[in-house]
Amino acid sequence: MAKRISVIIAMLTIFTATGCATAPKSAQSGEYSVITAYVQAYNDRDIPAMSALMHPKIQWLSIEGSKTVIVADGKADLVKQMSEYVSSPSATTSELASPVFNGQFIAVKETARWKRANGSVGQQSALSVYEIDKGLVCRVWYYPSERAAETATKNK
């Protein structure tokens, strides 16, 4: 459970199966608005709004060193995980920055924030790549947070 929460924290601070088509460059602002709406729904803990923006074959992937781990596979799986997560006291909010567009892929820096037990605010940032298909989030790849990357480097 702690590992899954860490992956989800890095989340709002990515996908490998087929089924997503390429969007024209003119759709970039529309694709980014899908991502911002998705993250806003997450911040609002609005699972129906998040679900409405999910592709039926959505995949949530975590990049861990040289491995890609499937965190969620399919809309039902991700909705279930998100429903459990957003109701937990450790749920985060997320903020996007520095989008980079490449066809249907948008890379962003996601910063997750949460309130610690002592009342202070914790935060960490990670890179994520979203794939958009026909106005829906199809895949999301989350890379290790800067805090996780620092720990991994220290342990080498």
Protein backbone atom coordinates (compact mmCIF):
# COMPACT_ATOMS: atom_id res chain seq x y z
CA MET A 1 0.00 0.00 0.00
CA ALA A 2 2.83 2.43 0.88
CA LYS A 3 4.52 1.68 -2.47
CA ARG A 4 1.25 2.36 -4.33
CA ILE A 5 0.76 5.64 -2.45
CA SER A 6 4.34 6.64 -3.33
CA VAL A 7 3.65 5.93 -6.98
CA ILE A 8 0.40 7.90 -6.89
CA ILE A 9 2.11 10.81 -5.10
CA ALA A 10 4.71 10.85 -7.84
CA MET A 11 1.81 10.67 -10.20
CA LEU A 12 0.35 13.97 -9.78
CA THR A 13 3.92 14.57 -9.40
CA ILE A 14 2.66 6.92 -17.93
CA PHE A 15 1.39 3.85 -20.71
CA THR A 16 2.68 0.99 -23.16
CA ALA A 17 -0.29 -0.87 -24.75
CA THR A 18 -1.77 0.03 -28.14
CA GLY A 19 -5.07 1.75 -28.82
CA CYS A 20 -4.25 5.47 -28.94
CA ALA A 21 -4.13 7.52 -32.11
CA THR A 22 -1.99 10.52 -33.01
CA ALA A 23 -3.55 13.99 -32.81
CA PRO A 24 -2.62 16.84 -35.16
CA LYS A 25 -0.38 19.65 -33.82
CA SER A 26 -3.32 22.06 -33.93
CA ALA A 27 -4.87 20.06 -31.09
CA GLN A 28 -2.01 20.84 -28.66
CA SER A 29 -3.87 23.44 -26.63
CA GLY A 30 -6.95 21.22 -26.58
CA GLU A 31 -4.88 18.24 -25.42
CA TYR A 32 -3.25 20.30 -22.68
CA SER A 33 -6.68 21.47 -21.54
CA VAL A 34 -7.65 17.78 -21.16
CA ILE A 35 -4.68 17.26 -18.87
CA THR A 36 -5.35 20.40 -16.83
CA ALA A 37 -9.02 19.44 -16.46
CA TYR A 38 -7.98 15.94 -15.38
CA VAL A 39 -5.57 17.28 -12.74
CA GLN A 40 -8.16 19.81 -11.55
CA ALA A 41 -10.68 16.99 -11.13
CA TYR A 42 -8.03 15.09 -9.16
CA ASN A 43 -7.39 18.12 -6.95
CA ASP A 44 -11.16 18.47 -6.43
CA ARG A 45 -11.43 14.72 -5.61
CA ASP A 46 -14.04 14.52 -8.38
CA ILE A 47 -13.79 10.89 -9.52
CA PRO A 48 -16.71 11.13 -12.02
CA ALA A 49 -15.00 14.10 -13.74
CA MET A 50 -11.68 12.22 -13.82
CA SER A 51 -13.41 9.13 -15.20
CA ALA A 52 -15.06 11.17 -17.95
CA LEU A 53 -11.56 12.16 -19.15
CA MET A 54 -10.16 8.60 -19.08
CA HIS A 55 -9.77 6.48 -22.21
CA PRO A 56 -11.39 3.02 -21.71
CA LYS A 57 -7.93 1.44 -22.12
CA ILE A 58 -6.12 3.95 -19.91
CA GLN A 59 -2.87 2.81 -18.38
CA TRP A 60 -1.00 4.37 -15.51
CA LEU A 61 2.70 3.50 -15.55
CA SER A 62 5.57 4.13 -13.19
CA ILE A 63 9.14 4.27 -14.44
CA GLU A 64 11.40 2.71 -11.80
CA GLY A 65 15.00 2.64 -12.93
CA SER A 66 15.14 0.46 -16.03
CA LYS A 67 11.65 -0.99 -15.43
CA THR A 68 8.16 0.14 -16.32
CA VAL A 69 5.56 -0.94 -13.77
CA ILE A 70 1.88 -0.95 -14.67
CA VAL A 71 0.11 0.72 -11.74
CA ALA A 72 -3.36 0.67 -13.28
CA ASP A 73 -4.59 -1.09 -16.42
CA GLY A 74 -7.97 0.03 -17.72
CA LYS A 75 -10.51 2.61 -16.65
CA ALA A 76 -12.21 0.45 -14.01
CA ASP A 77 -8.88 -0.33 -12.35
CA LEU A 78 -7.76 3.31 -12.24
CA VAL A 79 -11.16 4.58 -11.05
CA LYS A 80 -11.06 2.04 -8.21
CA GLN A 81 -7.53 3.02 -7.18
CA MET A 82 -8.23 6.75 -7.41
CA SER A 83 -11.46 6.38 -5.41
CA GLU A 84 -9.54 4.68 -2.61
CA TYR A 85 -6.65 7.13 -2.78
CA VAL A 86 -8.54 10.43 -2.76
CA SER A 87 -10.47 9.35 0.33
CA SER A 88 -7.22 8.74 2.26
CA PRO A 89 -5.80 11.38 4.61
CA SER A 90 -2.51 11.32 2.69
CA ALA A 91 -4.08 12.48 -0.59
CA THR A 92 -2.19 15.18 -2.45
CA THR A 93 -2.93 18.06 -4.76
CA SER A 94 -0.98 18.47 -7.96
CA GLU A 95 0.21 21.35 -10.12
CA LEU A 96 1.48 21.17 -13.71
CA ALA A 97 4.32 23.24 -15.17
CA SER A 98 6.51 23.52 -18.27
CA PRO A 99 4.53 21.53 -20.85
CA VAL A 100 6.40 20.15 -23.85
CA PHE A 101 4.33 18.94 -26.82
CA ASN A 102 5.20 16.10 -29.19
CA GLY A 103 2.16 15.02 -31.19
CA GLN A 104 -0.28 13.28 -28.88
CA PHE A 105 2.30 13.26 -26.05
CA ILE A 106 2.66 16.06 -23.52
CA ALA A 107 5.48 16.02 -20.96
CA VAL A 108 5.04 18.12 -17.82
CA LYS A 109 6.64 18.70 -14.46
CA GLU A 110 4.10 17.72 -11.80
CA THR A 111 4.49 18.98 -8.27
CA ALA A 112 2.51 17.14 -5.61
CA ARG A 113 1.78 18.80 -2.27
CA TRP A 114 0.32 17.35 0.90
CA LYS A 115 -0.19 18.30 4.52
CA ARG A 116 2.03 16.48 6.99
CA ALA A 117 0.82 15.33 10.41
CA ASN A 118 2.62 18.29 12.03
CA GLY A 119 0.72 20.72 9.77
CA SER A 120 3.64 21.60 7.50
CA VAL A 121 3.34 21.18 3.75
CA GLY A 122 5.40 18.54 1.95
CA GLN A 123 6.05 18.57 -1.76
CA GLN A 124 7.90 16.72 -4.46
CA SER A 125 8.12 17.05 -8.23
CA ALA A 126 8.38 14.50 -11.00
CA LEU A 127 8.24 14.38 -14.76
CA SER A 128 5.21 12.80 -16.33
CA VAL A 129 4.19 12.18 -19.90
CA TYR A 130 0.53 12.11 -20.90
CA GLU A 131 -0.78 10.52 -24.08
CA ILE A 132 -4.08 11.92 -25.33
CA ASP A 133 -6.40 10.10 -27.73
CA LYS A 134 -9.56 11.76 -29.04
CA GLY A 135 -9.75 14.11 -26.07
CA LEU A 136 -9.14 11.41 -23.42
CA VAL A 137 -6.15 10.56 -21.26
CA CYS A 138 -4.90 7.29 -22.73
CA ARG A 139 -1.61 6.70 -20.91
CA VAL A 140 0.45 8.40 -18.24
CA TRP A 141 4.08 7.58 -17.49
CA TYR A 142 5.43 8.84 -14.15
CA TYR A 143 9.14 9.13 -13.61
CA PRO A 144 10.72 9.07 -10.13
CA SER A 145 10.29 12.21 -8.09
CA GLU A 146 13.32 14.37 -7.47
CA ARG A 147 13.31 13.13 -3.86
CA ALA A 148 13.19 9.48 -4.98
CA ALA A 149 15.91 10.12 -7.56
CA GLU A 150 18.13 11.73 -4.91
CA THR A 151 17.65 8.72 -2.61
CA ALA A 152 18.44 6.27 -5.42
CA THR A 153 21.63 8.17 -6.27
CA LYS A 154 22.74 8.18 -2.62
CA ASN A 155 22.16 4.40 -2.39
CA LYS A 156 24.41 3.60 -5.39
